[in-house]
Amino acid sequence: MMTLDSRLSITEVARQLGVTAKTITRWEKAGKIKRAKRDWRGWRTYSKEDVEEMKTLLEAVY
């Protein structure tokens, strides 16, 4: 099981991918990526696998 420390925030993921956090939110709302898990504050958190999935999406588009 993944610990909270090993999950990434939307800002960290956006920085890694070179997109904005708003872009990731749009992808989620459009159904292009699966819905993010939420932490106790309700903030989106992503696993390394989620990030790899988003990288694949970016490569397919650009």
N, C-alpha and C. Protein backbone atom coordinates (compact mmCIF):
# COMPACT_ATOMS: atom_id res chain seq x y z
N MET A 1 0.84 -1.19 0.00
CA MET A 1 0.00 0.00 0.00
C MET A 1 0.88 1.25 0.00
N MET A 2 0.46 2.24 -0.70
CA MET A 2 1.22 3.46 -0.85
C MET A 2 0.96 4.38 0.34
N THR A 3 2.03 4.94 0.90
CA THR A 3 1.85 5.88 2.00
C THR A 3 1.55 7.27 1.46
N LEU A 4 1.05 8.11 2.32
CA LEU A 4 0.72 9.47 1.91
C LEU A 4 1.96 10.21 1.44
N ASP A 5 3.12 9.91 2.04
CA ASP A 5 4.37 10.58 1.66
C ASP A 5 4.78 10.26 0.23
N SER A 6 4.37 9.11 -0.28
CA SER A 6 4.79 8.73 -1.63
C SER A 6 3.82 9.23 -2.70
N ARG A 7 2.78 9.92 -2.30
CA ARG A 7 1.84 10.50 -3.26
C ARG A 7 2.24 11.94 -3.54
N LEU A 8 1.94 12.39 -4.73
CA LEU A 8 2.34 13.73 -5.17
C LEU A 8 1.13 14.66 -5.24
N SER A 9 1.37 15.92 -4.98
CA SER A 9 0.31 16.92 -5.11
C SER A 9 0.12 17.27 -6.58
N ILE A 10 -0.98 17.91 -6.88
CA ILE A 10 -1.25 18.32 -8.26
C ILE A 10 -0.18 19.31 -8.75
N THR A 11 0.32 20.15 -7.86
CA THR A 11 1.36 21.12 -8.22
C THR A 11 2.66 20.40 -8.58
N GLU A 12 3.02 19.38 -7.80
CA GLU A 12 4.24 18.62 -8.09
C GLU A 12 4.12 17.89 -9.43
N VAL A 13 2.97 17.30 -9.67
CA VAL A 13 2.74 16.58 -10.93
C VAL A 13 2.79 17.55 -12.10
N ALA A 14 2.13 18.68 -11.97
CA ALA A 14 2.12 19.68 -13.04
C ALA A 14 3.53 20.13 -13.37
N ARG A 15 4.34 20.35 -12.36
CA ARG A 15 5.72 20.78 -12.57
C ARG A 15 6.50 19.70 -13.33
N GLN A 16 6.32 18.45 -12.96
CA GLN A 16 7.01 17.34 -13.64
C GLN A 16 6.61 17.24 -15.10
N LEU A 17 5.34 17.50 -15.39
CA LEU A 17 4.82 17.34 -16.74
C LEU A 17 4.97 18.59 -17.60
N GLY A 18 5.25 19.72 -16.97
CA GLY A 18 5.37 20.96 -17.72
C GLY A 18 4.03 21.54 -18.14
N VAL A 19 3.00 21.27 -17.35
CA VAL A 19 1.67 21.82 -17.60
C VAL A 19 1.20 22.51 -16.33
N THR A 20 0.04 23.13 -16.38
CA THR A 20 -0.51 23.77 -15.18
C THR A 20 -1.38 22.78 -14.41
N ALA A 21 -1.60 23.09 -13.15
CA ALA A 21 -2.50 22.28 -12.33
C ALA A 21 -3.91 22.31 -12.93
N LYS A 22 -4.29 23.45 -13.48
CA LYS A 22 -5.61 23.58 -14.11
C LYS A 22 -5.76 22.61 -15.28
N THR A 23 -4.68 22.40 -16.03
CA THR A 23 -4.73 21.45 -17.15
C THR A 23 -5.02 20.04 -16.65
N ILE A 24 -4.37 19.66 -15.57
CA ILE A 24 -4.61 18.32 -15.00
C ILE A 24 -6.06 18.20 -14.54
N THR A 25 -6.57 19.25 -13.92
CA THR A 25 -7.97 19.25 -13.49
C THR A 25 -8.90 19.11 -14.69
N ARG A 26 -8.60 19.81 -15.77
CA ARG A 26 -9.42 19.70 -16.99
C ARG A 26 -9.39 18.29 -17.55
N TRP A 27 -8.21 17.67 -17.59
CA TRP A 27 -8.09 16.30 -18.09
C TRP A 27 -8.98 15.36 -17.27
N GLU A 28 -8.97 15.56 -15.95
CA GLU A 28 -9.78 14.72 -15.08
C GLU A 28 -11.27 14.92 -15.37
N LYS A 29 -11.69 16.16 -15.47
CA LYS A 29 -13.11 16.45 -15.73
C LYS A 29 -13.55 15.94 -17.10
N ALA A 30 -12.63 15.94 -18.07
CA ALA A 30 -12.94 15.47 -19.43
C ALA A 30 -12.87 13.94 -19.53
N GLY A 31 -12.42 13.28 -18.47
CA GLY A 31 -12.33 11.82 -18.49
C GLY A 31 -11.09 11.29 -19.18
N LYS A 32 -10.11 12.15 -19.43
CA LYS A 32 -8.88 11.71 -20.10
C LYS A 32 -7.95 10.97 -19.14
N ILE A 33 -8.06 11.29 -17.86
CA ILE A 33 -7.31 10.58 -16.83
C ILE A 33 -8.29 10.17 -15.74
N LYS A 34 -7.90 9.17 -14.95
CA LYS A 34 -8.81 8.73 -13.89
C LYS A 34 -8.84 9.76 -12.76
N ARG A 35 -9.90 9.74 -12.01
CA ARG A 35 -10.08 10.69 -10.92
C ARG A 35 -9.00 10.49 -9.87
N ALA A 36 -8.49 11.58 -9.37
CA ALA A 36 -7.43 11.54 -8.37
C ALA A 36 -7.99 11.11 -7.02
N LYS A 37 -7.16 10.44 -6.26
CA LYS A 37 -7.52 10.17 -4.87
C LYS A 37 -7.39 11.49 -4.12
N ARG A 38 -8.08 11.60 -3.02
CA ARG A 38 -8.05 12.83 -2.21
C ARG A 38 -7.44 12.52 -0.85
N ASP A 39 -6.72 13.48 -0.31
CA ASP A 39 -6.19 13.32 1.04
C ASP A 39 -7.23 13.79 2.06
N TRP A 40 -6.86 13.83 3.31
CA TRP A 40 -7.80 14.18 4.37
C TRP A 40 -8.31 15.61 4.24
N ARG A 41 -7.58 16.46 3.49
CA ARG A 41 -8.01 17.84 3.28
C ARG A 41 -8.90 18.00 2.06
N GLY A 42 -9.00 16.91 1.27
CA GLY A 42 -9.77 16.98 0.03
C GLY A 42 -8.92 17.37 -1.17
N TRP A 43 -7.61 17.48 -0.98
CA TRP A 43 -6.70 17.84 -2.07
C TRP A 43 -6.38 16.62 -2.91
N ARG A 44 -6.23 16.82 -4.21
CA ARG A 44 -5.88 15.72 -5.11
C ARG A 44 -4.46 15.24 -4.84
N THR A 45 -4.29 13.91 -4.85
CA THR A 45 -2.95 13.32 -4.74
C THR A 45 -2.81 12.26 -5.81
N TYR A 46 -1.59 12.10 -6.30
CA TYR A 46 -1.33 11.20 -7.42
C TYR A 46 -0.18 10.25 -7.10
N SER A 47 -0.29 9.03 -7.59
CA SER A 47 0.78 8.05 -7.46
C SER A 47 1.75 8.20 -8.62
N LYS A 48 2.88 7.55 -8.53
CA LYS A 48 3.84 7.56 -9.63
C LYS A 48 3.23 6.93 -10.88
N GLU A 49 2.38 5.93 -10.68
CA GLU A 49 1.70 5.29 -11.81
C GLU A 49 0.76 6.27 -12.51
N ASP A 50 0.08 7.09 -11.71
CA ASP A 50 -0.81 8.11 -12.28
C ASP A 50 -0.01 9.08 -13.15
N VAL A 51 1.17 9.46 -12.68
CA VAL A 51 2.01 10.40 -13.42
C VAL A 51 2.47 9.77 -14.73
N GLU A 52 2.84 8.49 -14.70
CA GLU A 52 3.27 7.80 -15.92
C GLU A 52 2.13 7.77 -16.94
N GLU A 53 0.91 7.55 -16.45
CA GLU A 53 -0.27 7.55 -17.32
C GLU A 53 -0.45 8.92 -17.99
N MET A 54 -0.24 9.98 -17.22
CA MET A 54 -0.37 11.33 -17.77
C MET A 54 0.75 11.63 -18.77
N LYS A 55 1.95 11.12 -18.51
CA LYS A 55 3.06 11.31 -19.46
C LYS A 55 2.72 10.65 -20.79
N THR A 56 2.11 9.47 -20.73
CA THR A 56 1.69 8.77 -21.95
C THR A 56 0.67 9.60 -22.71
N LEU A 57 -0.27 10.19 -22.00
CA LEU A 57 -1.27 11.06 -22.63
C LEU A 57 -0.60 12.24 -23.32
N LEU A 58 0.33 12.87 -22.64
CA LEU A 58 1.04 14.01 -23.22
C LEU A 58 1.80 13.62 -24.48
N GLU A 59 2.47 12.47 -24.44
CA GLU A 59 3.23 12.00 -25.60
C GLU A 59 2.32 11.72 -26.79
N ALA A 60 1.12 11.23 -26.51
CA ALA A 60 0.18 10.93 -27.58
C ALA A 60 -0.37 12.20 -28.22
N VAL A 61 -0.49 13.25 -27.43
CA VAL A 61 -1.06 14.50 -27.91
C VAL A 61 -0.02 15.39 -28.57
N TYR A 62 1.18 15.42 -28.01
CA TYR A 62 2.21 16.34 -28.52
C TYR A 62 3.30 15.60 -29.21
